[in-house]
Amino acid sequence: MLHAAADLLCDHRGAWVGGGKWLPRRLLQADHARGAALLQGHHQLCESGDAAALTAAASQVLELVGGEVREGYRRTWRGPR
């Protein structure tokens, strides 16, 4: 969940996506508040097994781009243009 939310946040902010030791740096540069929330949530998940903070932080990132896709969402392919 961390990597998917990080990619989405960086893409939305037009920032480079990082991996490994660069992931925290890129997240904090792209959006300090949301990046810090994602990192803290991941840390909490690793320490205690509680995913609530990471899930909440990922939801904040999803809200930037219109929120979650719900059951029943449908998009029809219209073919090549």
PDB file of N, CA and C in Angstrom:
ATOM      1  N   MET A   1       0.821  -1.180   0.000  1.00  0.00           N
ATOM      2  CA  MET A   1       0.000   0.000   0.000  1.00  0.00           C
ATOM      3  C   MET A   1       0.875   1.258   0.000  1.00  0.00           C
ATOM      4  N   LEU A   2       1.979   1.214   0.727  1.00  0.00           N
ATOM      5  CA  LEU A   2       2.856   2.386   0.793  1.00  0.00           C
ATOM      6  C   LEU A   2       3.362   2.767  -0.588  1.00  0.00           C
ATOM      7  N   HIS A   3       3.848   1.798  -1.341  1.00  0.00           N
ATOM      8  CA  HIS A   3       4.436   2.106  -2.647  1.00  0.00           C
ATOM      9  C   HIS A   3       3.386   2.623  -3.627  1.00  0.00           C
ATOM     10  N   ALA A   4       2.206   2.055  -3.611  1.00  0.00           N
ATOM     11  CA  ALA A   4       1.146   2.519  -4.512  1.00  0.00           C
ATOM     12  C   ALA A   4       0.733   3.943  -4.163  1.00  0.00           C
ATOM     13  N   ALA A   5       0.561   4.228  -2.881  1.00  0.00           N
ATOM     14  CA  ALA A   5       0.182   5.577  -2.455  1.00  0.00           C
ATOM     15  C   ALA A   5       1.311   6.568  -2.732  1.00  0.00           C
ATOM     16  N   ALA A   6       2.546   6.143  -2.528  1.00  0.00           N
ATOM     17  CA  ALA A   6       3.695   7.016  -2.792  1.00  0.00           C
ATOM     18  C   ALA A   6       3.789   7.357  -4.274  1.00  0.00           C
ATOM     19  N   ASP A   7       3.614   6.362  -5.132  1.00  0.00           N
ATOM     20  CA  ASP A   7       3.643   6.612  -6.575  1.00  0.00           C
ATOM     21  C   ASP A   7       2.540   7.581  -6.978  1.00  0.00           C
ATOM     22  N   LEU A   8       1.346   7.374  -6.444  1.00  0.00           N
ATOM     23  CA  LEU A   8       0.217   8.243  -6.774  1.00  0.00           C
ATOM     24  C   LEU A   8       0.466   9.670  -6.302  1.00  0.00           C
ATOM     25  N   LEU A   9       0.954   9.821  -5.089  1.00  0.00           N
ATOM     26  CA  LEU A   9       1.218  11.151  -4.546  1.00  0.00           C
ATOM     27  C   LEU A   9       2.293  11.872  -5.354  1.00  0.00           C
ATOM     28  N   CYS A  10       3.377  11.195  -5.649  1.00  0.00           N
ATOM     29  CA  CYS A  10       4.454  11.821  -6.423  1.00  0.00           C
ATOM     30  C   CYS A  10       3.986  12.165  -7.834  1.00  0.00           C
ATOM     31  N   ASP A  11       3.249  11.258  -8.463  1.00  0.00           N
ATOM     32  CA  ASP A  11       2.723  11.537  -9.804  1.00  0.00           C
ATOM     33  C   ASP A  11       1.788  12.738  -9.780  1.00  0.00           C
ATOM     34  N   HIS A  12       0.923  12.795  -8.792  1.00  0.00           N
ATOM     35  CA  HIS A  12      -0.039  13.900  -8.692  1.00  0.00           C
ATOM     36  C   HIS A  12       0.675  15.242  -8.506  1.00  0.00           C
ATOM     37  N   ARG A  13       1.754  15.243  -7.754  1.00  0.00           N
ATOM     38  CA  ARG A  13       2.503  16.479  -7.491  1.00  0.00           C
ATOM     39  C   ARG A  13       3.555  16.771  -8.561  1.00  0.00           C
ATOM     40  N   GLY A  14       3.686  15.871  -9.546  1.00  0.00           N
ATOM     41  CA  GLY A  14       4.672  16.078 -10.605  1.00  0.00           C
ATOM     42  C   GLY A  14       6.096  15.890 -10.127  1.00  0.00           C
ATOM     43  N   ALA A  15       6.271  15.045  -9.122  1.00  0.00           N
ATOM     44  CA  ALA A  15       7.591  14.815  -8.534  1.00  0.00           C
ATOM     45  C   ALA A  15       8.140  13.470  -8.986  1.00  0.00           C
ATOM     46  N   TRP A  16       9.446  13.345  -8.909  1.00  0.00           N
ATOM     47  CA  TRP A  16      10.086  12.072  -9.217  1.00  0.00           C
ATOM     48  C   TRP A  16       9.678  11.053  -8.171  1.00  0.00           C
ATOM     49  N   VAL A  17       9.487   9.825  -8.618  1.00  0.00           N
ATOM     50  CA  VAL A  17       9.184   8.725  -7.708  1.00  0.00           C
ATOM     51  C   VAL A  17      10.497   8.089  -7.300  1.00  0.00           C
ATOM     52  N   GLY A  18      10.640   7.785  -6.040  1.00  0.00           N
ATOM     53  CA  GLY A  18      11.861   7.167  -5.558  1.00  0.00           C
ATOM     54  C   GLY A  18      11.591   5.805  -4.963  1.00  0.00           C
ATOM     55  N   GLY A  19      12.624   5.028  -4.856  1.00  0.00           N
ATOM     56  CA  GLY A  19      12.523   3.724  -4.222  1.00  0.00           C
ATOM     57  C   GLY A  19      13.647   3.559  -3.231  1.00  0.00           C
ATOM     58  N   GLY A  20      13.546   2.559  -2.388  1.00  0.00           N
ATOM     59  CA  GLY A  20      14.590   2.317  -1.402  1.00  0.00           C
ATOM     60  C   GLY A  20      14.761   3.502  -0.477  1.00  0.00           C
ATOM     61  N   LYS A  21      16.020   3.901  -0.263  1.00  0.00           N
ATOM     62  CA  LYS A  21      16.278   5.012   0.655  1.00  0.00           C
ATOM     63  C   LYS A  21      15.775   6.350   0.104  1.00  0.00           C
ATOM     64  N   TRP A  22      15.486   6.405  -1.192  1.00  0.00           N
ATOM     65  CA  TRP A  22      14.994   7.644  -1.789  1.00  0.00           C
ATOM     66  C   TRP A  22      13.500   7.850  -1.584  1.00  0.00           C
ATOM     67  N   LEU A  23      12.772   6.795  -1.280  1.00  0.00           N
ATOM     68  CA  LEU A  23      11.321   6.914  -1.131  1.00  0.00           C
ATOM     69  C   LEU A  23      10.921   7.956  -0.083  1.00  0.00           C
ATOM     70  N   PRO A  24      11.448   7.903   1.141  1.00  0.00           N
ATOM     71  CA  PRO A  24      11.062   8.931   2.117  1.00  0.00           C
ATOM     72  C   PRO A  24      11.418  10.349   1.665  1.00  0.00           C
ATOM     73  N   ARG A  25      12.572  10.508   1.057  1.00  0.00           N
ATOM     74  CA  ARG A  25      12.986  11.840   0.598  1.00  0.00           C
ATOM     75  C   ARG A  25      12.029  12.385  -0.454  1.00  0.00           C
ATOM     76  N   ARG A  26      11.688  11.546  -1.421  1.00  0.00           N
ATOM     77  CA  ARG A  26      10.796  11.978  -2.501  1.00  0.00           C
ATOM     78  C   ARG A  26       9.398  12.274  -1.976  1.00  0.00           C
ATOM     79  N   LEU A  27       8.913  11.447  -1.059  1.00  0.00           N
ATOM     80  CA  LEU A  27       7.591  11.680  -0.485  1.00  0.00           C
ATOM     81  C   LEU A  27       7.534  13.015   0.247  1.00  0.00           C
ATOM     82  N   LEU A  28       8.522  13.275   1.066  1.00  0.00           N
ATOM     83  CA  LEU A  28       8.535  14.517   1.841  1.00  0.00           C
ATOM     84  C   LEU A  28       8.716  15.738   0.950  1.00  0.00           C
ATOM     85  N   GLN A  29       9.452  15.599  -0.146  1.00  0.00           N
ATOM     86  CA  GLN A  29       9.605  16.712  -1.083  1.00  0.00           C
ATOM     87  C   GLN A  29       8.322  16.961  -1.864  1.00  0.00           C
ATOM     88  N   ALA A  30       7.624  15.905  -2.217  1.00  0.00           N
ATOM     89  CA  ALA A  30       6.409  16.038  -3.025  1.00  0.00           C
ATOM     90  C   ALA A  30       5.282  16.673  -2.224  1.00  0.00           C
ATOM     91  N   ASP A  31       5.080  16.224  -0.998  1.00  0.00           N
ATOM     92  CA  ASP A  31       4.001  16.730  -0.136  1.00  0.00           C
ATOM     93  C   ASP A  31       4.380  16.347   1.287  1.00  0.00           C
ATOM     94  N   HIS A  32       4.926  17.295   2.012  1.00  0.00           N
ATOM     95  CA  HIS A  32       5.497  16.984   3.321  1.00  0.00           C
ATOM     96  C   HIS A  32       4.473  16.380   4.272  1.00  0.00           C
ATOM     97  N   ALA A  33       3.308  16.969   4.390  1.00  0.00           N
ATOM     98  CA  ALA A  33       2.315  16.489   5.356  1.00  0.00           C
ATOM     99  C   ALA A  33       1.812  15.088   5.008  1.00  0.00           C
ATOM    100  N   ARG A  34       1.403  14.898   3.768  1.00  0.00           N
ATOM    101  CA  ARG A  34       0.872  13.588   3.371  1.00  0.00           C
ATOM    102  C   ARG A  34       1.979  12.536   3.306  1.00  0.00           C
ATOM    103  N   GLY A  35       3.157  12.936   2.857  1.00  0.00           N
ATOM    104  CA  GLY A  35       4.283  12.009   2.825  1.00  0.00           C
ATOM    105  C   GLY A  35       4.668  11.542   4.218  1.00  0.00           C
ATOM    106  N   ALA A  36       4.710  12.477   5.159  1.00  0.00           N
ATOM    107  CA  ALA A  36       5.036  12.115   6.539  1.00  0.00           C
ATOM    108  C   ALA A  36       3.977  11.188   7.124  1.00  0.00           C
ATOM    109  N   ALA A  37       2.713  11.436   6.806  1.00  0.00           N
ATOM    110  CA  ALA A  37       1.637  10.571   7.300  1.00  0.00           C
ATOM    111  C   ALA A  37       1.773   9.155   6.740  1.00  0.00           C
ATOM    112  N   LEU A  38       2.119   9.041   5.465  1.00  0.00           N
ATOM    113  CA  LEU A  38       2.329   7.714   4.874  1.00  0.00           C
ATOM    114  C   LEU A  38       3.493   6.987   5.546  1.00  0.00           C
ATOM    115  N   LEU A  39       4.585   7.693   5.745  1.00  0.00           N
ATOM    116  CA  LEU A  39       5.757   7.071   6.361  1.00  0.00           C
ATOM    117  C   LEU A  39       5.484   6.667   7.806  1.00  0.00           C
ATOM    118  N   GLN A  40       4.797   7.527   8.546  1.00  0.00           N
ATOM    119  CA  GLN A  40       4.458   7.207   9.934  1.00  0.00           C
ATOM    120  C   GLN A  40       3.505   6.018   9.996  1.00  0.00           C
ATOM    121  N   GLY A  41       2.538   5.986   9.091  1.00  0.00           N
ATOM    122  CA  GLY A  41       1.608   4.860   9.043  1.00  0.00           C
ATOM    123  C   GLY A  41       2.311   3.554   8.729  1.00  0.00           C
ATOM    124  N   HIS A  42       3.267   3.600   7.812  1.00  0.00           N
ATOM    125  CA  HIS A  42       4.041   2.400   7.472  1.00  0.00           C
ATOM    126  C   HIS A  42       4.879   1.947   8.667  1.00  0.00           C
ATOM    127  N   HIS A  43       5.478   2.896   9.345  1.00  0.00           N
ATOM    128  CA  HIS A  43       6.280   2.586  10.530  1.00  0.00           C
ATOM    129  C   HIS A  43       5.409   1.919  11.602  1.00  0.00           C
ATOM    130  N   GLN A  44       4.226   2.465  11.817  1.00  0.00           N
ATOM    131  CA  GLN A  44       3.306   1.907  12.811  1.00  0.00           C
ATOM    132  C   GLN A  44       2.883   0.488  12.423  1.00  0.00           C
ATOM    133  N   LEU A  45       2.622   0.274  11.144  1.00  0.00           N
ATOM    134  CA  LEU A  45       2.247  -1.059  10.669  1.00  0.00           C
ATOM    135  C   LEU A  45       3.367  -2.069  10.924  1.00  0.00           C
ATOM    136  N   CYS A  46       4.590  -1.667  10.633  1.00  0.00           N
ATOM    137  CA  CYS A  46       5.728  -2.570  10.833  1.00  0.00           C
ATOM    138  C   CYS A  46       5.964  -2.883  12.308  1.00  0.00           C
ATOM    139  N   GLU A  47       5.747  -1.895  13.170  1.00  0.00           N
ATOM    140  CA  GLU A  47       6.002  -2.099  14.594  1.00  0.00           C
ATOM    141  C   GLU A  47       4.892  -2.860  15.300  1.00  0.00           C
ATOM    142  N   SER A  48       3.641  -2.546  14.987  1.00  0.00           N
ATOM    143  CA  SER A  48       2.535  -3.103  15.770  1.00  0.00           C
ATOM    144  C   SER A  48       1.578  -3.980  14.973  1.00  0.00           C
ATOM    145  N   GLY A  49       1.682  -3.937  13.654  1.00  0.00           N
ATOM    146  CA  GLY A  49       0.739  -4.686  12.829  1.00  0.00           C
ATOM    147  C   GLY A  49      -0.566  -3.952  12.603  1.00  0.00           C
ATOM    148  N   ASP A  50      -0.676  -2.726  13.104  1.00  0.00           N
ATOM    149  CA  ASP A  50      -1.891  -1.925  12.960  1.00  0.00           C
ATOM    150  C   ASP A  50      -1.799  -1.083  11.689  1.00  0.00           C
ATOM    151  N   ALA A  51      -2.683  -1.346  10.747  1.00  0.00           N
ATOM    152  CA  ALA A  51      -2.649  -0.661   9.450  1.00  0.00           C
ATOM    153  C   ALA A  51      -3.543   0.569   9.398  1.00  0.00           C
ATOM    154  N   ALA A  52      -4.173   0.940  10.498  1.00  0.00           N
ATOM    155  CA  ALA A  52      -5.146   2.041  10.485  1.00  0.00           C
ATOM    156  C   ALA A  52      -4.532   3.364  10.018  1.00  0.00           C
ATOM    157  N   ALA A  53      -3.371   3.713  10.526  1.00  0.00           N
ATOM    158  CA  ALA A  53      -2.753   4.994  10.162  1.00  0.00           C
ATOM    159  C   ALA A  53      -2.324   5.008   8.696  1.00  0.00           C
ATOM    160  N   LEU A  54      -1.794   3.901   8.215  1.00  0.00           N
ATOM    161  CA  LEU A  54      -1.385   3.827   6.811  1.00  0.00           C
ATOM    162  C   LEU A  54      -2.606   3.884   5.901  1.00  0.00           C
ATOM    163  N   THR A  55      -3.660   3.200   6.281  1.00  0.00           N
ATOM    164  CA  THR A  55      -4.895   3.225   5.498  1.00  0.00           C
ATOM    165  C   THR A  55      -5.474   4.632   5.448  1.00  0.00           C
ATOM    166  N   ALA A  56      -5.475   5.329   6.570  1.00  0.00           N
ATOM    167  CA  ALA A  56      -5.985   6.703   6.615  1.00  0.00           C
ATOM    168  C   ALA A  56      -5.129   7.629   5.753  1.00  0.00           C
ATOM    169  N   ALA A  57      -3.815   7.470   5.814  1.00  0.00           N
ATOM    170  CA  ALA A  57      -2.919   8.308   5.014  1.00  0.00           C
ATOM    171  C   ALA A  57      -3.104   8.035   3.526  1.00  0.00           C
ATOM    172  N   ALA A  58      -3.258   6.767   3.160  1.00  0.00           N
ATOM    173  CA  ALA A  58      -3.486   6.420   1.755  1.00  0.00           C
ATOM    174  C   ALA A  58      -4.820   6.983   1.274  1.00  0.00           C
ATOM    175  N   SER A  59      -5.815   6.992   2.137  1.00  0.00           N
ATOM    176  CA  SER A  59      -7.118   7.575   1.778  1.00  0.00           C
ATOM    177  C   SER A  59      -6.996   9.070   1.514  1.00  0.00           C
ATOM    178  N   GLN A  60      -6.148   9.753   2.282  1.00  0.00           N
ATOM    179  CA  GLN A  60      -5.915  11.185   2.048  1.00  0.00           C
ATOM    180  C   GLN A  60      -5.301  11.413   0.673  1.00  0.00           C
ATOM    181  N   VAL A  61      -4.401  10.542   0.282  1.00  0.00           N
ATOM    182  CA  VAL A  61      -3.781  10.651  -1.043  1.00  0.00           C
ATOM    183  C   VAL A  61      -4.830  10.405  -2.123  1.00  0.00           C
ATOM    184  N   LEU A  62      -5.662   9.396  -1.935  1.00  0.00           N
ATOM    185  CA  LEU A  62      -6.717   9.107  -2.915  1.00  0.00           C
ATOM    186  C   LEU A  62      -7.678  10.280  -3.076  1.00  0.00           C
ATOM    187  N   GLU A  63      -7.962  10.982  -1.987  1.00  0.00           N
ATOM    188  CA  GLU A  63      -8.869  12.133  -2.055  1.00  0.00           C
ATOM    189  C   GLU A  63      -8.323  13.233  -2.966  1.00  0.00           C
ATOM    190  N   LEU A  64      -7.006  13.323  -3.088  1.00  0.00           N
ATOM    191  CA  LEU A  64      -6.407  14.324  -3.978  1.00  0.00           C
ATOM    192  C   LEU A  64      -6.803  14.111  -5.435  1.00  0.00           C
ATOM    193  N   VAL A  65      -7.051  12.854  -5.793  1.00  0.00           N
ATOM    194  CA  VAL A  65      -7.329  12.521  -7.192  1.00  0.00           C
ATOM    195  C   VAL A  65      -8.762  12.048  -7.404  1.00  0.00           C
ATOM    196  N   GLY A  66      -9.642  12.403  -6.487  1.00  0.00           N
ATOM    197  CA  GLY A  66     -11.057  12.091  -6.675  1.00  0.00           C
ATOM    198  C   GLY A  66     -11.610  10.994  -5.799  1.00  0.00           C
ATOM    199  N   GLY A  67     -10.810  10.420  -4.942  1.00  0.00           N
ATOM    200  CA  GLY A  67     -11.299   9.418  -4.006  1.00  0.00           C
ATOM    201  C   GLY A  67     -11.223   8.003  -4.543  1.00  0.00           C
ATOM    202  N   GLU A  68     -11.773   7.102  -3.762  1.00  0.00           N
ATOM    203  CA  GLU A  68     -11.735   5.680  -4.096  1.00  0.00           C
ATOM    204  C   GLU A  68     -12.677   5.363  -5.242  1.00  0.00           C
ATOM    205  N   VAL A  69     -12.332   4.346  -5.998  1.00  0.00           N
ATOM    206  CA  VAL A  69     -13.227   3.807  -7.017  1.00  0.00           C
ATOM    207  C   VAL A  69     -14.118   2.806  -6.293  1.00  0.00           C
ATOM    208  N   ARG A  70     -15.404   2.980  -6.434  1.00  0.00           N
ATOM    209  CA  ARG A  70     -16.366   2.137  -5.719  1.00  0.00           C
ATOM    210  C   ARG A  70     -16.933   1.048  -6.606  1.00  0.00           C
ATOM    211  N   GLU A  71     -17.555   0.076  -5.962  1.00  0.00           N
ATOM    212  CA  GLU A  71     -18.233  -0.994  -6.682  1.00  0.00           C
ATOM    213  C   GLU A  71     -19.260  -0.382  -7.621  1.00  0.00           C
ATOM    214  N   GLY A  72     -19.296  -0.883  -8.826  1.00  0.00           N
ATOM    215  CA  GLY A  72     -20.229  -0.364  -9.812  1.00  0.00           C
ATOM    216  C   GLY A  72     -19.609   0.649 -10.754  1.00  0.00           C
ATOM    217  N   TYR A  73     -18.400   1.143 -10.420  1.00  0.00           N
ATOM    218  CA  TYR A  73     -17.729   2.082 -11.321  1.00  0.00           C
ATOM    219  C   TYR A  73     -17.460   1.369 -12.635  1.00  0.00           C
ATOM    220  N   ARG A  74     -17.756   2.046 -13.691  1.00  0.00           N
ATOM    221  CA  ARG A  74     -17.568   1.432 -15.000  1.00  0.00           C
ATOM    222  C   ARG A  74     -17.099   2.488 -15.978  1.00  0.00           C
ATOM    223  N   ARG A  75     -16.156   2.109 -16.776  1.00  0.00           N
ATOM    224  CA  ARG A  75     -15.650   3.008 -17.804  1.00  0.00           C
ATOM    225  C   ARG A  75     -15.564   2.206 -19.086  1.00  0.00           C
ATOM    226  N   THR A  76     -16.226   2.663 -20.102  1.00  0.00           N
ATOM    227  CA  THR A  76     -16.291   1.927 -21.355  1.00  0.00           C
ATOM    228  C   THR A  76     -15.166   2.360 -22.277  1.00  0.00           C
ATOM    229  N   TRP A  77     -14.497   1.376 -22.846  1.00  0.00           N
ATOM    230  CA  TRP A  77     -13.429   1.664 -23.795  1.00  0.00           C
ATOM    231  C   TRP A  77     -14.061   2.040 -25.122  1.00  0.00           C
ATOM    232  N   ARG A  78     -13.617   3.118 -25.690  1.00  0.00           N
ATOM    233  CA  ARG A  78     -14.204   3.620 -26.933  1.00  0.00           C
ATOM    234  C   ARG A  78     -13.332   3.333 -28.146  1.00  0.00           C
ATOM    235  N   GLY A  79     -12.316   2.538 -27.978  1.00  0.00           N
ATOM    236  CA  GLY A  79     -11.458   2.186 -29.097  1.00  0.00           C
ATOM    237  C   GLY A  79     -10.407   3.240 -29.361  1.00  0.00           C
ATOM    238  N   PRO A  80      -9.506   2.959 -30.295  1.00  0.00           N
ATOM    239  CA  PRO A  80      -8.450   3.923 -30.616  1.00  0.00           C
ATOM    240  C   PRO A  80      -9.044   5.172 -31.250  1.00  0.00           C
ATOM    241  N   ARG A  81      -8.411   6.256 -30.985  1.00  0.00           N
ATOM    242  CA  ARG A  81      -8.905   7.535 -31.523  1.00  0.00           C
ATOM    243  C   ARG A  81      -8.140   7.942 -32.730  1.00  0.00           C
TER     244      ARG A  81
END
